[in-house]
Amino acid sequence: MNVLHRAVTKLCNTQESPEEVAESFDRIMVQLSQCEFAVRKSRKVASMNAIELENYQNFSQKITLDIEKEKKKIENTKLELIAAKRIRKNKMEYDVLGKVIIKQPDRKKSEGELLAIQTELTRLRAARGDVVKRLASRKRQFNGLVMLLHQLQTTISDLDESPADIENSSMEVEIIDD
């Protein structure tokens, strides 16, 4: 622009021939068209820069929204991972419990064994009752035998003291034998 200004000022102040003036005028016109081209180019570049700036802002907003969406997806995925870990842990516990349960006998078999044990227990209790009765009977018999031995000892000791009593004792013994 400064060059164009100087050229126009020089053209106005000079006293040149018409051919030189035409030539200077053509140069000024070329410079003017270059200036106009530069101005149009600058406007187009400014317009394109504004459009690109808007595109970059839109793109930036889109990226920000995408980042937020991805953060939400990551949070959801983390929650799903926690749930999946819990499910996996539960499955492992279920498998362990299942193996323990499989090792245990089934209910019918256990009930059958329980019934057999209860029957055996009832039979053993009855046998114990019989044994207790026999033991009580044997105790009474043993006590009777001990009493009889004491009487016999008393009788023997009495015999040692008096021979006349021996005949009486023999009679008592014969009475007892009947």
N, C-alpha and C. Protein backbone atom coordinates (compact mmCIF):
# COMPACT_ATOMS: atom_id res chain seq x y z
N MET A 1 0.83 -1.18 0.00
CA MET A 1 0.00 0.00 0.00
C MET A 1 0.87 1.24 0.00
N ASN A 2 1.94 1.21 0.75
CA ASN A 2 2.85 2.36 0.77
C ASN A 2 3.48 2.56 -0.60
N VAL A 3 3.84 1.48 -1.25
CA VAL A 3 4.45 1.58 -2.58
C VAL A 3 3.44 2.15 -3.55
N LEU A 4 2.20 1.73 -3.45
CA LEU A 4 1.13 2.24 -4.33
C LEU A 4 0.91 3.72 -4.06
N HIS A 5 0.94 4.13 -2.82
CA HIS A 5 0.77 5.54 -2.46
C HIS A 5 1.89 6.39 -3.04
N ARG A 6 3.10 5.92 -2.92
CA ARG A 6 4.24 6.67 -3.48
C ARG A 6 4.15 6.77 -5.00
N ALA A 7 3.73 5.65 -5.60
CA ALA A 7 3.64 5.64 -7.07
C ALA A 7 2.59 6.63 -7.54
N VAL A 8 1.44 6.70 -6.87
CA VAL A 8 0.38 7.65 -7.25
C VAL A 8 0.86 9.07 -7.00
N THR A 9 1.53 9.32 -5.91
CA THR A 9 2.05 10.66 -5.61
C THR A 9 3.09 11.05 -6.65
N LYS A 10 3.93 10.15 -7.00
CA LYS A 10 4.97 10.42 -8.01
C LYS A 10 4.32 10.71 -9.35
N LEU A 11 3.27 9.98 -9.70
CA LEU A 11 2.58 10.17 -10.97
C LEU A 11 1.92 11.55 -11.01
N CYS A 12 1.37 11.94 -9.90
CA CYS A 12 0.70 13.24 -9.84
C CYS A 12 1.72 14.39 -9.88
N ASN A 13 2.84 14.23 -9.34
CA ASN A 13 3.82 15.31 -9.24
C ASN A 13 4.81 15.33 -10.42
N THR A 14 4.87 14.38 -11.22
CA THR A 14 5.85 14.34 -12.30
C THR A 14 5.26 14.88 -13.58
N GLN A 15 6.18 15.31 -14.40
CA GLN A 15 5.83 15.87 -15.68
C GLN A 15 6.41 14.95 -16.74
N GLU A 16 5.96 13.84 -16.85
CA GLU A 16 6.50 12.86 -17.78
C GLU A 16 5.68 12.86 -19.05
N SER A 17 6.22 12.12 -20.01
CA SER A 17 5.53 12.01 -21.29
C SER A 17 4.32 11.12 -21.11
N PRO A 18 3.37 11.24 -22.04
CA PRO A 18 2.17 10.45 -21.89
C PRO A 18 2.43 8.95 -21.94
N GLU A 19 3.43 8.54 -22.63
CA GLU A 19 3.73 7.11 -22.69
C GLU A 19 4.24 6.62 -21.34
N GLU A 20 5.09 7.40 -20.70
CA GLU A 20 5.61 7.02 -19.39
C GLU A 20 4.49 7.07 -18.36
N VAL A 21 3.59 8.04 -18.55
CA VAL A 21 2.46 8.15 -17.63
C VAL A 21 1.59 6.90 -17.78
N ALA A 22 1.35 6.45 -19.05
CA ALA A 22 0.54 5.27 -19.28
C ALA A 22 1.21 4.05 -18.68
N GLU A 23 2.51 4.00 -18.82
CA GLU A 23 3.25 2.86 -18.28
C GLU A 23 3.19 2.89 -16.76
N SER A 24 3.37 4.07 -16.15
CA SER A 24 3.28 4.21 -14.71
C SER A 24 1.86 3.88 -14.24
N PHE A 25 0.89 4.34 -15.05
CA PHE A 25 -0.51 4.05 -14.71
C PHE A 25 -0.76 2.55 -14.75
N ASP A 26 -0.23 1.86 -15.74
CA ASP A 26 -0.40 0.39 -15.82
C ASP A 26 0.24 -0.30 -14.61
N ARG A 27 1.40 0.19 -14.21
CA ARG A 27 2.06 -0.40 -13.04
C ARG A 27 1.22 -0.17 -11.77
N ILE A 28 0.69 1.04 -11.70
CA ILE A 28 -0.15 1.36 -10.55
C ILE A 28 -1.38 0.46 -10.55
N MET A 29 -1.95 0.22 -11.72
CA MET A 29 -3.14 -0.64 -11.82
C MET A 29 -2.79 -2.08 -11.44
N VAL A 30 -1.62 -2.52 -11.89
CA VAL A 30 -1.18 -3.89 -11.52
C VAL A 30 -1.02 -3.97 -10.01
N GLN A 31 -0.37 -2.96 -9.44
CA GLN A 31 -0.17 -2.95 -7.99
C GLN A 31 -1.52 -2.89 -7.27
N LEU A 32 -2.42 -2.09 -7.84
CA LEU A 32 -3.74 -1.97 -7.24
C LEU A 32 -4.48 -3.30 -7.30
N SER A 33 -4.39 -3.96 -8.45
CA SER A 33 -5.07 -5.27 -8.54
C SER A 33 -4.41 -6.29 -7.60
N GLN A 34 -3.10 -6.19 -7.40
CA GLN A 34 -2.41 -7.06 -6.46
C GLN A 34 -2.89 -6.76 -5.03
N CYS A 35 -3.05 -5.49 -4.73
CA CYS A 35 -3.55 -5.11 -3.40
C CYS A 35 -4.96 -5.63 -3.20
N GLU A 36 -5.81 -5.45 -4.25
CA GLU A 36 -7.17 -5.96 -4.16
C GLU A 36 -7.17 -7.48 -3.97
N PHE A 37 -6.30 -8.16 -4.73
CA PHE A 37 -6.18 -9.61 -4.60
C PHE A 37 -5.73 -9.98 -3.18
N ALA A 38 -4.76 -9.23 -2.66
CA ALA A 38 -4.27 -9.50 -1.30
C ALA A 38 -5.38 -9.28 -0.28
N VAL A 39 -6.19 -8.20 -0.49
CA VAL A 39 -7.28 -7.93 0.43
C VAL A 39 -8.32 -9.04 0.35
N ARG A 40 -8.70 -9.43 -0.90
CA ARG A 40 -9.67 -10.52 -1.04
C ARG A 40 -9.12 -11.81 -0.43
N LYS A 41 -7.84 -12.04 -0.71
CA LYS A 41 -7.20 -13.25 -0.15
C LYS A 41 -7.23 -13.19 1.37
N SER A 42 -6.90 -12.05 1.96
CA SER A 42 -6.90 -11.90 3.41
C SER A 42 -8.30 -12.11 3.98
N ARG A 43 -9.32 -11.56 3.27
CA ARG A 43 -10.69 -11.75 3.73
C ARG A 43 -11.08 -13.23 3.66
N LYS A 44 -10.69 -13.87 2.53
CA LYS A 44 -11.00 -15.30 2.41
C LYS A 44 -10.27 -16.10 3.50
N VAL A 45 -9.01 -15.77 3.73
CA VAL A 45 -8.25 -16.48 4.77
C VAL A 45 -8.89 -16.23 6.13
N ALA A 46 -9.31 -14.97 6.39
CA ALA A 46 -9.96 -14.66 7.66
C ALA A 46 -11.27 -15.41 7.76
N SER A 47 -12.03 -15.46 6.65
CA SER A 47 -13.29 -16.19 6.65
C SER A 47 -13.03 -17.68 6.89
N MET A 48 -12.03 -18.21 6.20
CA MET A 48 -11.69 -19.63 6.37
C MET A 48 -11.20 -19.89 7.80
N ASN A 49 -10.41 -18.95 8.32
CA ASN A 49 -9.94 -19.10 9.71
C ASN A 49 -11.12 -19.10 10.67
N ALA A 50 -12.11 -18.23 10.44
CA ALA A 50 -13.30 -18.20 11.29
C ALA A 50 -14.07 -19.51 11.19
N ILE A 51 -14.22 -20.01 9.94
CA ILE A 51 -14.91 -21.29 9.74
C ILE A 51 -14.13 -22.42 10.42
N GLU A 52 -12.81 -22.42 10.24
CA GLU A 52 -11.99 -23.47 10.87
C GLU A 52 -12.05 -23.36 12.39
N LEU A 53 -12.05 -22.12 12.90
CA LEU A 53 -12.15 -21.93 14.33
C LEU A 53 -13.47 -22.50 14.84
N GLU A 54 -14.54 -22.23 14.11
CA GLU A 54 -15.85 -22.78 14.48
C GLU A 54 -15.83 -24.31 14.40
N ASN A 55 -15.21 -24.83 13.32
CA ASN A 55 -15.08 -26.29 13.18
C ASN A 55 -14.28 -26.88 14.34
N TYR A 56 -13.18 -26.20 14.70
CA TYR A 56 -12.36 -26.69 15.80
C TYR A 56 -13.14 -26.62 17.12
N GLN A 57 -13.92 -25.56 17.31
CA GLN A 57 -14.73 -25.46 18.52
C GLN A 57 -15.78 -26.57 18.55
N ASN A 58 -16.43 -26.81 17.41
CA ASN A 58 -17.41 -27.91 17.33
C ASN A 58 -16.73 -29.25 17.59
N PHE A 59 -15.57 -29.41 16.95
CA PHE A 59 -14.82 -30.65 17.12
C PHE A 59 -14.39 -30.81 18.58
N SER A 60 -13.98 -29.70 19.21
CA SER A 60 -13.59 -29.73 20.61
C SER A 60 -14.78 -30.11 21.48
N GLN A 61 -15.95 -29.54 21.21
CA GLN A 61 -17.15 -29.89 21.96
C GLN A 61 -17.51 -31.35 21.76
N LYS A 62 -17.38 -31.80 20.51
CA LYS A 62 -17.68 -33.21 20.22
C LYS A 62 -16.72 -34.12 20.98
N ILE A 63 -15.44 -33.75 20.98
CA ILE A 63 -14.45 -34.55 21.70
C ILE A 63 -14.76 -34.54 23.20
N THR A 64 -15.14 -33.38 23.72
CA THR A 64 -15.49 -33.28 25.14
C THR A 64 -16.68 -34.18 25.46
N LEU A 65 -17.70 -34.14 24.61
CA LEU A 65 -18.87 -35.01 24.81
C LEU A 65 -18.47 -36.48 24.71
N ASP A 66 -17.63 -36.80 23.71
CA ASP A 66 -17.17 -38.19 23.57
C ASP A 66 -16.38 -38.64 24.79
N ILE A 67 -15.57 -37.72 25.32
CA ILE A 67 -14.80 -38.05 26.53
C ILE A 67 -15.75 -38.33 27.69
N GLU A 68 -16.77 -37.50 27.84
CA GLU A 68 -17.75 -37.72 28.91
C GLU A 68 -18.47 -39.05 28.73
N LYS A 69 -18.85 -39.33 27.47
CA LYS A 69 -19.52 -40.62 27.20
C LYS A 69 -18.60 -41.78 27.56
N GLU A 70 -17.34 -41.66 27.17
CA GLU A 70 -16.39 -42.75 27.45
C GLU A 70 -16.15 -42.89 28.95
N LYS A 71 -16.12 -41.76 29.67
CA LYS A 71 -15.97 -41.84 31.13
C LYS A 71 -17.15 -42.59 31.73
N LYS A 72 -18.36 -42.27 31.23
CA LYS A 72 -19.55 -42.97 31.73
C LYS A 72 -19.48 -44.46 31.39
N LYS A 73 -19.02 -44.75 30.16
CA LYS A 73 -18.88 -46.16 29.78
C LYS A 73 -17.87 -46.86 30.68
N ILE A 74 -16.78 -46.17 30.99
CA ILE A 74 -15.75 -46.76 31.86
C ILE A 74 -16.33 -47.01 33.25
N GLU A 75 -17.10 -46.04 33.76
CA GLU A 75 -17.72 -46.23 35.08
C GLU A 75 -18.69 -47.40 35.05
N ASN A 76 -19.50 -47.49 34.00
CA ASN A 76 -20.43 -48.61 33.87
C ASN A 76 -19.68 -49.93 33.75
N THR A 77 -18.60 -49.90 32.99
CA THR A 77 -17.80 -51.12 32.82
C THR A 77 -17.17 -51.53 34.14
N LYS A 78 -16.72 -50.53 34.93
CA LYS A 78 -16.17 -50.85 36.25
C LYS A 78 -17.23 -51.51 37.12
N LEU A 79 -18.45 -50.97 37.09
CA LEU A 79 -19.54 -51.56 37.87
C LEU A 79 -19.83 -52.98 37.39
N GLU A 80 -19.83 -53.15 36.07
CA GLU A 80 -20.06 -54.49 35.51
C GLU A 80 -18.95 -55.43 35.92
N LEU A 81 -17.72 -54.92 35.95
CA LEU A 81 -16.59 -55.75 36.37
C LEU A 81 -16.74 -56.18 37.82
N ILE A 82 -17.15 -55.24 38.67
CA ILE A 82 -17.35 -55.58 40.08
C ILE A 82 -18.44 -56.64 40.20
N ALA A 83 -19.53 -56.45 39.45
CA ALA A 83 -20.62 -57.43 39.49
C ALA A 83 -20.14 -58.78 38.95
N ALA A 84 -19.35 -58.75 37.88
CA ALA A 84 -18.85 -60.01 37.30
C ALA A 84 -17.92 -60.71 38.29
N LYS A 85 -17.08 -59.93 38.99
CA LYS A 85 -16.20 -60.54 40.00
C LYS A 85 -17.01 -61.18 41.12
N ARG A 86 -18.08 -60.47 41.54
CA ARG A 86 -18.93 -61.01 42.61
C ARG A 86 -19.61 -62.30 42.13
N ILE A 87 -20.10 -62.29 40.89
CA ILE A 87 -20.76 -63.48 40.33
C ILE A 87 -19.76 -64.63 40.24
N ARG A 88 -18.55 -64.31 39.80
CA ARG A 88 -17.51 -65.35 39.67
C ARG A 88 -17.18 -65.92 41.04
N LYS A 89 -17.05 -65.04 42.04
CA LYS A 89 -16.76 -65.49 43.40
C LYS A 89 -17.89 -66.39 43.90
N ASN A 90 -19.14 -65.96 43.66
CA ASN A 90 -20.29 -66.77 44.08
C ASN A 90 -20.29 -68.12 43.38
N LYS A 91 -19.99 -68.12 42.09
CA LYS A 91 -19.95 -69.40 41.36
C LYS A 91 -18.88 -70.32 41.94
N MET A 92 -17.73 -69.74 42.28
CA MET A 92 -16.67 -70.56 42.86
C MET A 92 -17.12 -71.13 44.21
N GLU A 93 -17.78 -70.29 45.02
CA GLU A 93 -18.29 -70.78 46.30
C GLU A 93 -19.35 -71.85 46.09
N TYR A 94 -20.23 -71.64 45.12
CA TYR A 94 -21.25 -72.63 44.81
C TYR A 94 -20.61 -73.94 44.38
N ASP A 95 -19.56 -73.86 43.56
CA ASP A 95 -18.88 -75.08 43.12
C ASP A 95 -18.29 -75.83 44.31
N VAL A 96 -17.65 -75.07 45.22
CA VAL A 96 -17.06 -75.71 46.40
C VAL A 96 -18.15 -76.36 47.25
N LEU A 97 -19.24 -75.61 47.47
CA LEU A 97 -20.35 -76.17 48.25
C LEU A 97 -20.96 -77.37 47.54
N GLY A 98 -21.07 -77.29 46.21
CA GLY A 98 -21.61 -78.40 45.44
C GLY A 98 -20.76 -79.66 45.61
N LYS A 99 -19.43 -79.49 45.59
CA LYS A 99 -18.54 -80.63 45.77
C LYS A 99 -18.71 -81.24 47.16
N VAL A 100 -18.87 -80.35 48.17
CA VAL A 100 -19.07 -80.85 49.54
C VAL A 100 -20.39 -81.59 49.63
N ILE A 101 -21.42 -81.02 49.00
CA ILE A 101 -22.75 -81.65 49.04
C ILE A 101 -22.73 -82.99 48.32
N ILE A 102 -22.02 -83.07 47.21
CA ILE A 102 -21.95 -84.32 46.46
C ILE A 102 -21.29 -85.41 47.29
N LYS A 103 -20.31 -85.02 48.11
CA LYS A 103 -19.62 -86.00 48.94
C LYS A 103 -20.54 -86.56 50.03
N GLN A 104 -21.55 -85.79 50.44
CA GLN A 104 -22.47 -86.23 51.49
C GLN A 104 -23.51 -87.19 50.90
N PRO A 105 -23.95 -88.17 51.70
CA PRO A 105 -24.97 -89.08 51.18
C PRO A 105 -26.30 -88.36 51.00
N ASP A 106 -27.12 -88.93 50.14
CA ASP A 106 -28.41 -88.28 49.88
C ASP A 106 -29.35 -88.49 51.07
N ARG A 107 -30.46 -87.79 51.04
CA ARG A 107 -31.41 -87.78 52.16
C ARG A 107 -32.01 -89.16 52.41
N LYS A 108 -32.41 -89.86 51.35
CA LYS A 108 -33.04 -91.18 51.54
C LYS A 108 -32.08 -92.14 52.21
N LYS A 109 -30.83 -92.11 51.76
CA LYS A 109 -29.84 -93.01 52.34
C LYS A 109 -29.61 -92.64 53.81
N SER A 110 -29.50 -91.34 54.08
CA SER A 110 -29.28 -90.88 55.46
C SER A 110 -30.47 -91.25 56.34
N GLU A 111 -31.69 -91.06 55.83
CA GLU A 111 -32.87 -91.41 56.61
C GLU A 111 -32.91 -92.92 56.86
N GLY A 112 -32.52 -93.70 55.86
CA GLY A 112 -32.47 -95.16 56.05
C GLY A 112 -31.46 -95.54 57.12
N GLU A 113 -30.28 -94.92 57.06
CA GLU A 113 -29.26 -95.20 58.07
C GLU A 113 -29.74 -94.77 59.46
N LEU A 114 -30.39 -93.59 59.51
CA LEU A 114 -30.91 -93.09 60.79
C LEU A 114 -31.96 -94.05 61.35
N LEU A 115 -32.84 -94.54 60.50
CA LEU A 115 -33.87 -95.48 60.94
C LEU A 115 -33.22 -96.77 61.45
N ALA A 116 -32.20 -97.25 60.74
CA ALA A 116 -31.51 -98.47 61.17
C ALA A 116 -30.83 -98.24 62.52
N ILE A 117 -30.21 -97.08 62.68
CA ILE A 117 -29.53 -96.78 63.95
C ILE A 117 -30.55 -96.66 65.07
N GLN A 118 -31.70 -96.01 64.80
CA GLN A 118 -32.74 -95.89 65.82
C GLN A 118 -33.29 -97.26 66.20
N THR A 119 -33.48 -98.13 65.22
CA THR A 119 -33.95 -99.49 65.50
C THR A 119 -32.93 -100.24 66.35
N GLU A 120 -31.66 -100.11 65.99
CA GLU A 120 -30.59 -100.77 66.75
C GLU A 120 -30.55 -100.21 68.17
N LEU A 121 -30.73 -98.88 68.30
CA LEU A 121 -30.73 -98.26 69.62
C LEU A 121 -31.89 -98.78 70.47
N THR A 122 -33.06 -98.91 69.87
CA THR A 122 -34.23 -99.44 70.59
C THR A 122 -33.96 -100.88 71.03
N ARG A 123 -33.39 -101.68 70.12
CA ARG A 123 -33.07 -103.06 70.45
C ARG A 123 -32.05 -103.13 71.58
N LEU A 124 -31.03 -102.26 71.53
CA LEU A 124 -30.00 -102.27 72.57
C LEU A 124 -30.58 -101.81 73.91
N ARG A 125 -31.51 -100.84 73.87
CA ARG A 125 -32.14 -100.40 75.11
C ARG A 125 -32.97 -101.54 75.73
N ALA A 126 -33.68 -102.27 74.87
CA ALA A 126 -34.47 -103.41 75.37
C ALA A 126 -33.54 -104.47 75.95
N ALA A 127 -32.42 -104.74 75.25
CA ALA A 127 -31.47 -105.73 75.75
C ALA A 127 -30.87 -105.26 77.06
N ARG A 128 -30.60 -103.96 77.16
CA ARG A 128 -30.06 -103.41 78.40
C ARG A 128 -31.07 -103.58 79.53
N GLY A 129 -32.34 -103.34 79.24
CA GLY A 129 -33.38 -103.53 80.25
C GLY A 129 -33.40 -104.97 80.73
N ASP A 130 -33.28 -105.92 79.78
CA ASP A 130 -33.24 -107.34 80.18
C ASP A 130 -32.01 -107.63 81.03
N VAL A 131 -30.88 -107.05 80.63
CA VAL A 131 -29.65 -107.29 81.40
C VAL A 131 -29.79 -106.70 82.79
N VAL A 132 -30.38 -105.51 82.88
CA VAL A 132 -30.57 -104.87 84.19
C VAL A 132 -31.49 -105.74 85.05
N LYS A 133 -32.55 -106.29 84.47
CA LYS A 133 -33.46 -107.15 85.24
C LYS A 133 -32.73 -108.40 85.71
N ARG A 134 -31.96 -109.01 84.80
CA ARG A 134 -31.21 -110.21 85.21
C ARG A 134 -30.20 -109.88 86.29
N LEU A 135 -29.55 -108.71 86.14
CA LEU A 135 -28.57 -108.30 87.14
C LEU A 135 -29.25 -108.10 88.49
N ALA A 136 -30.42 -107.49 88.49
CA ALA A 136 -31.15 -107.28 89.74
C ALA A 136 -31.55 -108.62 90.34
N SER A 137 -31.96 -109.56 89.48
CA SER A 137 -32.34 -110.89 89.96
C SER A 137 -31.12 -111.59 90.55
N ARG A 138 -29.98 -111.48 89.86
CA ARG A 138 -28.75 -112.13 90.35
C ARG A 138 -28.31 -111.51 91.67
N LYS A 139 -28.50 -110.16 91.77
CA LYS A 139 -28.13 -109.50 93.02
C LYS A 139 -28.98 -110.04 94.17
N ARG A 140 -30.28 -110.19 93.92
CA ARG A 140 -31.16 -110.72 94.98
C ARG A 140 -30.74 -112.15 95.34
N GLN A 141 -30.44 -112.93 94.29
CA GLN A 141 -30.02 -114.32 94.55
C GLN A 141 -28.70 -114.34 95.32
N PHE A 142 -27.76 -113.43 94.91
CA PHE A 142 -26.47 -113.37 95.59
C PHE A 142 -26.65 -112.94 97.04
N ASN A 143 -27.52 -111.94 97.26
CA ASN A 143 -27.78 -111.49 98.63
C ASN A 143 -28.40 -112.63 99.46
N GLY A 144 -29.30 -113.37 98.82
CA GLY A 144 -29.89 -114.52 99.53
C GLY A 144 -28.82 -115.55 99.86
N LEU A 145 -27.92 -115.80 98.93
CA LEU A 145 -26.83 -116.75 99.16
C LEU A 145 -25.92 -116.25 100.27
N VAL A 146 -25.61 -114.97 100.27
CA VAL A 146 -24.75 -114.41 101.32
C VAL A 146 -25.44 -114.55 102.67
N MET A 147 -26.75 -114.28 102.70
CA MET A 147 -27.48 -114.42 103.96
C MET A 147 -27.46 -115.89 104.43
N LEU A 148 -27.59 -116.77 103.47
CA LEU A 148 -27.58 -118.19 103.81
C LEU A 148 -26.22 -118.62 104.35
N LEU A 149 -25.16 -118.05 103.74
CA LEU A 149 -23.81 -118.36 104.23
C LEU A 149 -23.61 -117.83 105.65
N HIS A 150 -24.12 -116.62 105.87
CA HIS A 150 -24.01 -116.06 107.24
C HIS A 150 -24.75 -116.94 108.26
N GLN A 151 -25.89 -117.42 107.86
CA GLN A 151 -26.65 -118.29 108.76
C GLN A 151 -25.89 -119.60 108.99
N LEU A 152 -25.29 -120.08 107.89
CA LEU A 152 -24.53 -121.33 108.01
C LEU A 152 -23.32 -121.12 108.93
N GLN A 153 -22.66 -119.97 108.78
CA GLN A 153 -21.52 -119.68 109.66
C GLN A 153 -21.98 -119.57 111.11
N THR A 154 -23.09 -118.93 111.26
CA THR A 154 -23.61 -118.78 112.63
C THR A 154 -23.94 -120.16 113.20
N THR A 155 -24.50 -120.99 112.39
CA THR A 155 -24.86 -122.33 112.82
C THR A 155 -23.60 -123.12 113.15
N ILE A 156 -22.59 -122.98 112.29
CA ILE A 156 -21.34 -123.72 112.53
C ILE A 156 -20.68 -123.22 113.82
N SER A 157 -20.68 -121.93 113.99
CA SER A 157 -20.06 -121.41 115.21
C SER A 157 -20.86 -121.85 116.45
N ASP A 158 -22.16 -121.97 116.30
CA ASP A 158 -22.97 -122.44 117.42
C ASP A 158 -22.69 -123.92 117.68
N LEU A 159 -22.45 -124.67 116.66
CA LEU A 159 -22.15 -126.09 116.82
C LEU A 159 -20.83 -126.31 117.53
N ASP A 160 -19.94 -125.41 117.19
CA ASP A 160 -18.66 -125.53 117.86
C ASP A 160 -18.84 -125.31 119.36
N GLU A 161 -19.79 -124.59 119.75
CA GLU A 161 -20.01 -124.27 121.14
C GLU A 161 -20.80 -125.39 121.85
N SER A 162 -21.79 -125.96 121.19
CA SER A 162 -22.55 -127.00 121.87
C SER A 162 -22.86 -128.14 120.91
N PRO A 163 -22.47 -129.40 121.28
CA PRO A 163 -22.73 -130.55 120.42
C PRO A 163 -24.20 -130.93 120.42
N ALA A 164 -24.93 -130.59 121.42
CA ALA A 164 -26.34 -130.94 121.46
C ALA A 164 -27.11 -130.15 120.43
N ASP A 165 -26.62 -128.98 120.16
CA ASP A 165 -27.29 -128.13 119.19
C ASP A 165 -27.10 -128.67 117.78
N ILE A 166 -26.10 -129.51 117.60
CA ILE A 166 -25.83 -130.04 116.27
C ILE A 166 -27.01 -130.86 115.81
N GLU A 167 -27.58 -131.62 116.67
CA GLU A 167 -28.70 -132.44 116.29
C GLU A 167 -29.88 -131.57 115.91
N ASN A 168 -30.09 -130.50 116.61
CA ASN A 168 -31.19 -129.57 116.29
C ASN A 168 -30.94 -128.88 114.95
N SER A 169 -29.69 -128.53 114.73
CA SER A 169 -29.34 -127.86 113.47
C SER A 169 -29.55 -128.80 112.31
N SER A 170 -29.21 -130.07 112.48
CA SER A 170 -29.39 -131.03 111.40
C SER A 170 -30.85 -131.13 111.05
N MET A 171 -31.67 -131.06 112.03
CA MET A 171 -33.09 -131.13 111.78
C MET A 171 -33.56 -129.89 111.04
N GLU A 172 -33.01 -128.75 111.41
CA GLU A 172 -33.39 -127.52 110.73
C GLU A 172 -32.96 -127.56 109.28
N VAL A 173 -31.78 -128.13 109.07
CA VAL A 173 -31.29 -128.22 107.71
C VAL A 173 -32.15 -129.16 106.93
N GLU A 174 -32.61 -130.22 107.53
CA GLU A 174 -33.47 -131.14 106.82
C GLU A 174 -34.80 -130.48 106.52
N ILE A 175 -35.24 -129.65 107.39
CA ILE A 175 -36.51 -128.95 107.16
C ILE A 175 -36.35 -127.97 105.99
N ILE A 176 -35.24 -127.28 105.94
CA ILE A 176 -34.99 -126.33 104.88
C ILE A 176 -34.90 -127.04 103.53
N ASP A 177 -34.29 -128.28 103.52
CA ASP A 177 -34.14 -129.00 102.27
C ASP A 177 -35.47 -129.42 101.70
N ASP A 178 -36.46 -129.63 102.54
CA ASP A 178 -37.75 -130.06 102.04
C ASP A 178 -38.35 -128.92 101.35
